[in-house]
Amino acid sequence: MGAMNWDLIGHGWATELLSQHIRRGSVRHAYLITGPDGIGKRTLAVRLAQALCCDEPPEAGDRCGSCSTCRRIEAGAYPDFHLVEVGQLDEELGRTSSEILIEQILRLQRKLALTPHSGKWRVGLIQRFWEASEAAANALLKTLEEPSPSVVLVLTARTAEDLLPTIVSRCEVINLRPVSRSKIRAALEDRGMEPERSSLVASLAAGRPGFALRLAEDPTWLERREESIRDLLRLLSKGRAERFAYAERFRPKKKGETLKDVRDDLGERLQLWLGVWRDVFMLSTGLDEQVQNTDLVSQMRQLASALGRERAVRALTSVESCLHNIMAYANIRLALETLMLELPQLDGFAE
C-alpha cells in the first residue's frame, strides 16, 4: 500500500517521495512545502511527522494513523513534534505579534537540541514561514546550517520566492499543485456529502482540498458566502455614502470581539469577492469552463457584459490590494473605504 495510508486528497507523488526517503534512510534535515492556502501543506507536514514517528507503521515509510503517537501528533500533543506559528507567545510576552518572533525560533532550537523523547526523530513544523521576522529567519539559518542527525525541520510557505534564498537552498522544496475537481468531489462524497453540494464545494475550492474540507465541516459557510456576495452585488449600484456606511460596519461590536475577529471575517469576505471578480474576468475572456462560482454564472455574465475585461481586471486588482493590506494589519476602515471608492459603479444593477 505504500504511502496510500497518508489519508490526503491528492498529492500522491509527494507522499510517495517522502515515504521513499524514510524507506531508504535518506530523510532530508529540512523540507519546504509550498502552495496556496488550503492546499494541504500543514496536513502533509503532519503526515510526514506521523510516518517518521509511528509506533506501528504498516510498512516502512507509512503511518497507521491510529496508534498513540499518530493521534498525539495529529492533536499537536506529542513531545517530539513542535509546532511554531504566529501569535503563540502573545499572552506570555504581553503583546500582539503579526509575525513569527525570534523568541519562538530560539525556543524551538532549544527543544530540537534535546535527544528525542520517544523515538528516533524530533520534528519541527514552522507554519507560514513568510510571516517570520528578519531576526527569526536569520536565527533559523543556524539550525539549517548545523543540522542534527535526529531532527527534521518542515517549513510551509505560499511560494519559495517569499523566503530568503539562503533558507530555500538548504531545504528540499515540495511544491503542492492544485488537485482536480473530480478528485476533490469524489473525496467529499466519500465523506457523505450530497452530489450537488460536493460539486459546488469542489468548484469553489479551486484545487485546494484542505479548503474544501473546511467548507464541508462548516455548515454555515455557504450561507455566509451567499450573504457576502449579495453585499458586493448590492454595493455596485450604491453611492459613496452607502458604501462608506458599509465599511463602517467592520469594527468590534459584540462583547469579546477583537480586531483579529473582524480582520478574519473581512479576509474571508474579500476572498469571496476576489473569486467573483476572477470569474467575471474569465467570462469576459470567454474562459467559461474556468468559472468557480458555478451557481452564480448568470449574475457574473451580466457583470462581464456591463464592465468588459479591463474594468473587471481593475476591480479584481482593487479587491486583491485591499485583502493584502488587511492581512498586513493596515487600518481596516481606511483600506475598505479605498476599496469602496475603487469598486465600479453600475446604476440599476440587478442583484
Protein backbone atom coordinates (compact mmCIF):
# COMPACT_ATOMS: atom_id res chain seq x y z
CA MET A 1 0.00 0.00 0.00
CA GLY A 2 2.96 2.32 0.48
CA ALA A 3 2.04 5.92 1.13
CA MET A 4 -1.66 5.38 0.38
CA ASN A 5 -2.45 5.43 4.10
CA TRP A 6 -1.37 9.05 4.45
CA ASP A 7 -5.05 9.99 4.09
CA LEU A 8 -4.63 13.03 1.84
CA ILE A 9 -6.79 14.15 -1.05
CA GLY A 10 -4.38 14.19 -3.98
CA HIS A 11 -0.63 14.84 -3.72
CA GLY A 12 0.17 11.14 -4.13
CA TRP A 13 3.52 11.96 -5.75
CA ALA A 14 4.54 13.99 -2.65
CA THR A 15 3.56 11.28 -0.15
CA GLU A 16 5.36 8.66 -2.26
CA LEU A 17 8.53 10.81 -2.42
CA LEU A 18 8.56 11.37 1.35
CA SER A 19 7.81 7.74 2.19
CA GLN A 20 10.66 6.72 -0.13
CA HIS A 21 13.02 8.99 1.80
CA ILE A 22 12.01 7.20 5.01
CA ARG A 23 12.24 3.71 3.48
CA ARG A 24 15.68 4.39 2.00
CA GLY A 25 17.08 6.12 5.07
CA SER A 26 17.59 9.33 3.09
CA VAL A 27 15.33 11.69 5.07
CA ARG A 28 16.36 15.34 4.50
CA HIS A 29 17.05 17.52 7.51
CA ALA A 30 14.77 20.26 6.13
CA TYR A 31 11.72 20.37 3.83
CA LEU A 32 9.93 23.41 2.45
CA ILE A 33 6.32 22.65 1.47
CA THR A 34 4.83 25.36 -0.77
CA GLY A 35 1.44 26.04 -2.30
CA PRO A 36 -1.63 28.26 -1.86
CA ASP A 37 -3.59 28.42 1.41
CA GLY A 38 -5.80 25.37 1.90
CA ILE A 39 -3.94 23.09 -0.50
CA GLY A 40 -2.75 20.72 2.25
CA LYS A 41 0.71 21.94 3.33
CA ARG A 42 0.12 21.52 7.07
CA THR A 43 -1.60 18.16 6.60
CA LEU A 44 1.31 16.81 4.55
CA ALA A 45 3.78 18.03 7.20
CA VAL A 46 1.78 16.33 9.98
CA ARG A 47 1.58 13.11 7.93
CA LEU A 48 5.36 13.19 7.46
CA ALA A 49 5.84 13.55 11.23
CA GLN A 50 3.49 10.61 11.79
CA ALA A 51 5.32 8.43 9.24
CA LEU A 52 8.66 9.26 10.91
CA CYS A 53 7.44 8.54 14.45
CA CYS A 54 4.58 5.98 14.09
CA ASP A 55 4.68 3.16 16.66
CA GLU A 56 3.20 0.53 14.33
CA PRO A 57 3.71 1.51 10.67
CA PRO A 58 2.02 -0.96 8.28
CA GLU A 59 5.31 -0.85 6.37
CA ALA A 60 8.43 1.31 6.23
CA GLY A 61 7.60 4.86 5.20
CA ASP A 62 3.93 4.58 6.16
CA ARG A 63 1.87 5.59 9.22
CA CYS A 64 -1.01 3.78 10.86
CA GLY A 65 -2.90 6.93 11.89
CA SER A 66 -4.37 5.22 14.96
CA CYS A 67 -1.52 4.49 17.41
CA SER A 68 -0.97 6.77 20.41
CA THR A 69 1.90 8.60 18.64
CA CYS A 70 -0.06 9.26 15.42
CA ARG A 71 -3.06 10.52 17.39
CA ARG A 72 -0.94 12.79 19.60
CA ILE A 73 0.91 14.26 16.60
CA GLU A 74 -2.48 14.97 14.95
CA ALA A 75 -3.57 16.75 18.14
CA GLY A 76 -0.25 18.65 18.45
CA ALA A 77 0.44 16.97 21.79
CA TYR A 78 3.43 14.73 21.03
CA PRO A 79 6.66 15.65 22.90
CA ASP A 80 8.90 15.21 19.81
CA PHE A 81 6.65 17.27 17.48
CA HIS A 82 6.99 21.04 17.79
CA LEU A 83 4.69 23.50 16.03
CA VAL A 84 5.60 27.17 15.54
CA GLU A 85 3.12 29.76 14.23
CA VAL A 86 2.28 33.45 14.59
CA GLY A 87 0.82 34.52 17.92
CA GLN A 88 1.97 31.61 20.10
CA LEU A 89 3.79 33.83 22.61
CA ASP A 90 1.42 36.83 22.56
CA GLU A 91 -0.03 36.22 26.02
CA GLU A 92 3.34 35.29 27.52
CA LEU A 93 5.08 38.37 26.10
CA GLY A 94 2.17 40.68 26.81
CA ARG A 95 1.91 41.96 23.22
CA THR A 96 0.24 41.07 19.95
CA SER A 97 2.56 39.94 17.18
CA SER A 98 1.89 39.79 13.45
CA GLU A 99 4.98 37.71 12.70
CA ILE A 100 6.94 34.69 13.88
CA LEU A 101 9.33 36.03 16.52
CA ILE A 102 12.99 35.28 17.18
CA GLU A 103 11.99 34.12 20.68
CA GLN A 104 9.93 31.33 19.08
CA ILE A 105 12.82 30.18 16.88
CA LEU A 106 15.27 30.20 19.82
CA ARG A 107 12.79 28.19 21.90
CA LEU A 108 12.37 25.71 19.03
CA GLN A 109 16.15 25.37 18.72
CA ARG A 110 16.45 24.51 22.42
CA LYS A 111 13.81 21.78 22.04
CA LEU A 112 15.34 20.36 18.86
CA ALA A 113 18.76 20.15 20.57
CA LEU A 114 17.41 17.57 23.05
CA THR A 115 17.55 13.83 22.44
CA PRO A 116 14.20 12.57 21.08
CA HIS A 117 11.84 11.79 23.94
CA SER A 118 10.19 8.69 22.49
CA GLY A 119 11.51 7.59 19.12
CA LYS A 120 14.24 8.32 16.60
CA TRP A 121 13.19 11.81 15.45
CA ARG A 122 12.31 15.28 16.63
CA VAL A 123 10.18 17.16 14.07
CA GLY A 124 9.75 20.94 13.98
CA LEU A 125 6.95 22.45 11.86
CA ILE A 126 7.08 26.21 11.23
CA GLN A 127 3.88 27.31 9.53
CA ARG A 128 3.59 30.23 7.11
CA PHE A 129 7.30 31.00 7.34
CA TRP A 130 6.98 34.09 5.15
CA GLU A 131 5.48 35.67 8.29
CA ALA A 132 8.79 35.30 10.17
CA SER A 133 10.62 38.44 11.25
CA GLU A 134 14.02 39.04 9.68
CA ALA A 135 15.67 38.21 13.01
CA ALA A 136 13.71 34.95 13.27
CA ALA A 137 14.61 33.94 9.70
CA ASN A 138 18.30 34.64 10.33
CA ALA A 139 18.21 32.69 13.61
CA LEU A 140 16.74 29.67 11.80
CA LEU A 141 19.69 29.62 9.40
CA LYS A 142 21.90 28.38 12.24
CA THR A 143 19.72 25.28 12.66
CA LEU A 144 19.70 24.70 8.89
CA GLU A 145 23.47 25.12 8.62
CA GLU A 146 24.26 22.76 11.51
CA PRO A 147 21.56 20.08 11.29
CA SER A 148 21.28 17.43 13.99
CA PRO A 149 21.02 13.89 12.59
CA SER A 150 17.82 13.27 14.60
CA VAL A 151 15.99 16.48 13.58
CA VAL A 152 13.63 17.06 10.65
CA LEU A 153 12.51 20.65 10.12
CA VAL A 154 9.47 21.40 7.95
CA LEU A 155 8.61 24.93 6.77
CA THR A 156 5.45 25.92 4.91
CA ALA A 157 5.07 28.93 2.61
CA ARG A 158 2.93 30.01 -0.32
CA THR A 159 5.96 30.20 -2.62
CA ALA A 160 9.71 29.67 -2.25
CA GLU A 161 10.17 33.25 -3.50
CA ASP A 162 8.61 34.52 -0.24
CA LEU A 163 11.64 33.28 1.74
CA LEU A 164 15.34 34.09 1.91
CA PRO A 165 17.26 32.22 -0.82
CA THR A 166 19.76 31.06 1.81
CA ILE A 167 16.93 29.25 3.63
CA VAL A 168 15.35 27.78 0.48
CA SER A 169 18.72 26.43 -0.72
CA ARG A 170 19.03 24.35 2.46
CA CYS A 171 15.62 22.70 2.08
CA GLU A 172 14.14 20.08 -0.21
CA VAL A 173 11.26 22.01 -1.83
CA ILE A 174 7.93 20.21 -2.30
CA ASN A 175 5.57 22.38 -4.33
CA LEU A 176 1.99 21.16 -3.96
CA ARG A 177 -0.10 21.58 -7.10
CA PRO A 178 -3.90 22.01 -7.37
CA VAL A 179 -5.93 18.80 -7.14
CA SER A 180 -8.56 18.07 -9.80
CA ARG A 181 -12.20 18.98 -9.14
CA SER A 182 -13.25 15.39 -9.77
CA LYS A 183 -10.83 14.04 -7.14
CA ILE A 184 -11.97 16.58 -4.55
CA ARG A 185 -15.65 15.94 -5.37
CA ALA A 186 -15.18 12.16 -5.03
CA ALA A 187 -13.43 12.61 -1.67
CA LEU A 188 -16.26 14.83 -0.38
CA GLU A 189 -18.89 12.31 -1.48
CA ASP A 190 -16.89 9.52 0.20
CA ARG A 191 -17.28 11.58 3.38
CA GLY A 192 -21.06 11.69 2.95
CA MET A 193 -21.68 14.98 1.14
CA GLU A 194 -24.59 15.01 -1.33
CA PRO A 195 -23.52 15.27 -5.02
CA GLU A 196 -24.96 18.76 -5.77
CA ARG A 197 -23.23 20.36 -2.79
CA SER A 198 -19.99 18.41 -3.36
CA SER A 199 -19.87 19.63 -6.96
CA LEU A 200 -20.21 23.29 -5.89
CA VAL A 201 -17.72 22.97 -2.99
CA ALA A 202 -15.17 21.19 -5.23
CA SER A 203 -15.51 24.00 -7.76
CA LEU A 204 -15.18 26.75 -5.15
CA ALA A 205 -12.14 25.02 -3.62
CA ALA A 206 -10.13 25.74 -6.80
CA GLY A 207 -7.89 22.72 -6.41
CA ARG A 208 -7.38 23.16 -2.64
CA PRO A 209 -8.55 20.02 -0.78
CA GLY A 210 -7.87 21.50 2.67
CA PHE A 211 -10.10 24.43 1.84
CA ALA A 212 -12.79 22.03 0.54
CA LEU A 213 -12.70 20.04 3.79
CA ARG A 214 -13.03 23.22 5.86
CA LEU A 215 -16.11 24.15 3.84
CA ALA A 216 -17.50 20.66 4.30
CA GLU A 217 -17.08 20.89 8.08
CA ASP A 218 -18.65 24.36 8.36
CA PRO A 219 -22.42 24.16 7.74
CA THR A 220 -22.84 27.96 7.79
CA TRP A 221 -20.10 28.74 5.25
CA LEU A 222 -22.31 28.63 2.14
CA GLU A 223 -24.80 30.94 3.88
CA ARG A 224 -22.02 33.40 4.76
CA ARG A 225 -20.79 33.18 1.16
CA GLU A 226 -24.26 33.99 -0.17
CA GLU A 227 -24.58 37.00 2.17
CA SER A 228 -21.09 38.30 1.29
CA ILE A 229 -21.66 38.09 -2.46
CA ARG A 230 -25.11 39.65 -2.12
CA ASP A 231 -23.45 42.58 -0.28
CA LEU A 232 -20.94 43.00 -3.12
CA LEU A 233 -23.58 42.98 -5.87
CA ARG A 234 -25.78 45.41 -3.92
CA LEU A 235 -22.89 47.84 -3.37
CA LEU A 236 -22.24 48.13 -7.10
CA SER A 237 -25.38 50.25 -7.55
CA LYS A 238 -24.90 52.32 -4.37
CA GLY A 239 -23.32 55.74 -3.93
CA ARG A 240 -20.38 56.78 -1.77
CA ALA A 241 -22.43 57.38 1.42
CA GLU A 242 -23.91 53.88 1.48
CA ARG A 243 -20.59 52.30 0.57
CA PHE A 244 -18.81 54.14 3.40
CA ALA A 245 -21.59 53.12 5.80
CA TYR A 246 -20.87 49.51 4.81
CA ALA A 247 -17.15 49.98 5.53
CA GLU A 248 -18.04 51.40 8.96
CA ARG A 249 -19.65 48.07 9.91
CA PHE A 250 -16.27 46.34 10.21
CA ARG A 251 -15.18 47.07 13.76
CA PRO A 252 -15.52 45.12 17.03
CA LYS A 253 -19.16 45.36 18.15
CA LYS A 254 -20.04 42.33 20.25
CA LYS A 255 -18.62 41.79 23.74
CA GLY A 256 -15.34 39.92 23.49
CA GLU A 257 -14.98 40.51 19.75
CA THR A 258 -11.43 41.52 18.80
CA LEU A 259 -9.86 43.29 15.85
CA LYS A 260 -8.47 39.89 14.82
CA ASP A 261 -12.04 38.51 14.64
CA VAL A 262 -13.06 41.44 12.43
CA ARG A 263 -9.95 41.02 10.26
CA ASP A 264 -10.59 37.28 9.83
CA ASP A 265 -14.25 37.85 8.91
CA LEU A 266 -13.31 40.56 6.43
CA GLY A 267 -10.50 38.44 4.99
CA GLU A 268 -12.95 35.62 4.26
CA ARG A 269 -15.39 38.10 2.70
CA LEU A 270 -12.74 39.66 0.46
CA GLN A 271 -11.54 36.22 -0.68
CA LEU A 272 -15.10 35.55 -1.84
CA TRP A 273 -15.26 38.88 -3.66
CA LEU A 274 -11.93 38.07 -5.27
CA GLY A 275 -13.41 34.81 -6.56
CA VAL A 276 -16.36 36.67 -8.08
CA TRP A 277 -14.15 39.17 -9.92
CA ARG A 278 -11.85 36.40 -11.10
CA ASP A 279 -14.87 34.60 -12.60
CA VAL A 280 -16.17 37.83 -14.17
CA PHE A 281 -12.78 38.24 -15.82
CA MET A 282 -12.84 34.61 -17.04
CA LEU A 283 -16.29 35.11 -18.54
CA SER A 284 -15.21 38.37 -20.19
CA THR A 285 -12.39 36.48 -21.93
CA GLY A 286 -14.53 33.51 -22.96
CA LEU A 287 -12.99 31.05 -20.47
CA ASP A 288 -16.36 29.86 -19.16
CA GLU A 289 -15.06 26.44 -18.12
CA GLN A 290 -12.68 28.11 -15.62
CA VAL A 291 -15.53 29.60 -13.56
CA GLN A 292 -15.53 28.54 -9.90
CA ASN A 293 -18.79 30.10 -8.66
CA THR A 294 -20.81 27.78 -10.87
CA ASP A 295 -24.14 28.69 -9.20
CA LEU A 296 -23.74 32.42 -9.98
CA VAL A 297 -22.94 32.31 -13.69
CA SER A 298 -25.95 34.41 -14.80
CA GLN A 299 -25.13 37.34 -12.44
CA MET A 300 -21.45 37.23 -13.32
CA ARG A 301 -22.20 37.08 -17.03
CA GLN A 302 -24.27 40.25 -16.52
CA LEU A 303 -21.29 41.89 -14.83
CA ALA A 304 -18.88 40.75 -17.53
CA SER A 305 -21.16 42.21 -20.17
CA ALA A 306 -21.62 45.52 -18.33
CA LEU A 307 -17.96 46.02 -17.39
CA GLY A 308 -15.77 44.39 -20.01
CA ARG A 309 -12.36 42.89 -19.44
CA GLU A 310 -10.39 45.99 -18.37
CA ARG A 311 -12.82 47.16 -15.69
CA ALA A 312 -13.12 43.58 -14.40
CA VAL A 313 -9.33 43.44 -14.01
CA ARG A 314 -9.34 46.80 -12.18
CA ALA A 315 -11.99 45.54 -9.75
CA LEU A 316 -10.04 42.31 -9.22
CA THR A 317 -6.83 44.25 -8.54
CA SER A 318 -8.59 46.60 -6.11
CA VAL A 319 -10.01 43.74 -4.02
CA GLU A 320 -6.65 41.94 -4.10
CA SER A 321 -4.88 45.08 -2.88
CA CYS A 322 -7.42 45.62 -0.08
CA LEU A 323 -7.10 41.99 1.04
CA HIS A 324 -3.30 42.27 1.08
CA ASN A 325 -3.48 45.46 3.15
CA ILE A 326 -5.97 44.00 5.62
CA MET A 327 -3.82 40.90 6.12
CA ALA A 328 -0.75 43.15 6.57
CA TYR A 329 -2.55 44.81 9.51
CA ALA A 330 -3.41 48.07 7.74
CA ASN A 331 -6.18 50.27 9.17
CA ILE A 332 -9.34 48.32 8.32
CA ARG A 333 -11.63 51.27 7.76
CA LEU A 334 -9.18 53.17 5.55
CA ALA A 335 -8.42 50.08 3.46
CA LEU A 336 -12.14 49.37 3.00
CA GLU A 337 -13.01 52.99 2.16
CA THR A 338 -10.32 52.96 -0.54
CA LEU A 339 -11.87 49.79 -1.97
CA MET A 340 -15.36 51.34 -1.84
CA LEU A 341 -14.10 54.25 -3.96
CA GLU A 342 -12.48 51.91 -6.49
CA LEU A 343 -15.31 49.40 -7.00
CA PRO A 344 -17.16 50.00 -10.28
CA GLN A 345 -20.42 51.97 -10.21
CA LEU A 346 -23.28 50.26 -12.03
CA ASP A 347 -26.52 52.20 -11.59
CA GLY A 348 -29.53 49.95 -11.51
CA PHE A 349 -27.53 46.71 -11.49
CA ALA A 350 -29.91 43.86 -10.71
CA GLU A 351 -28.65 41.64 -7.92
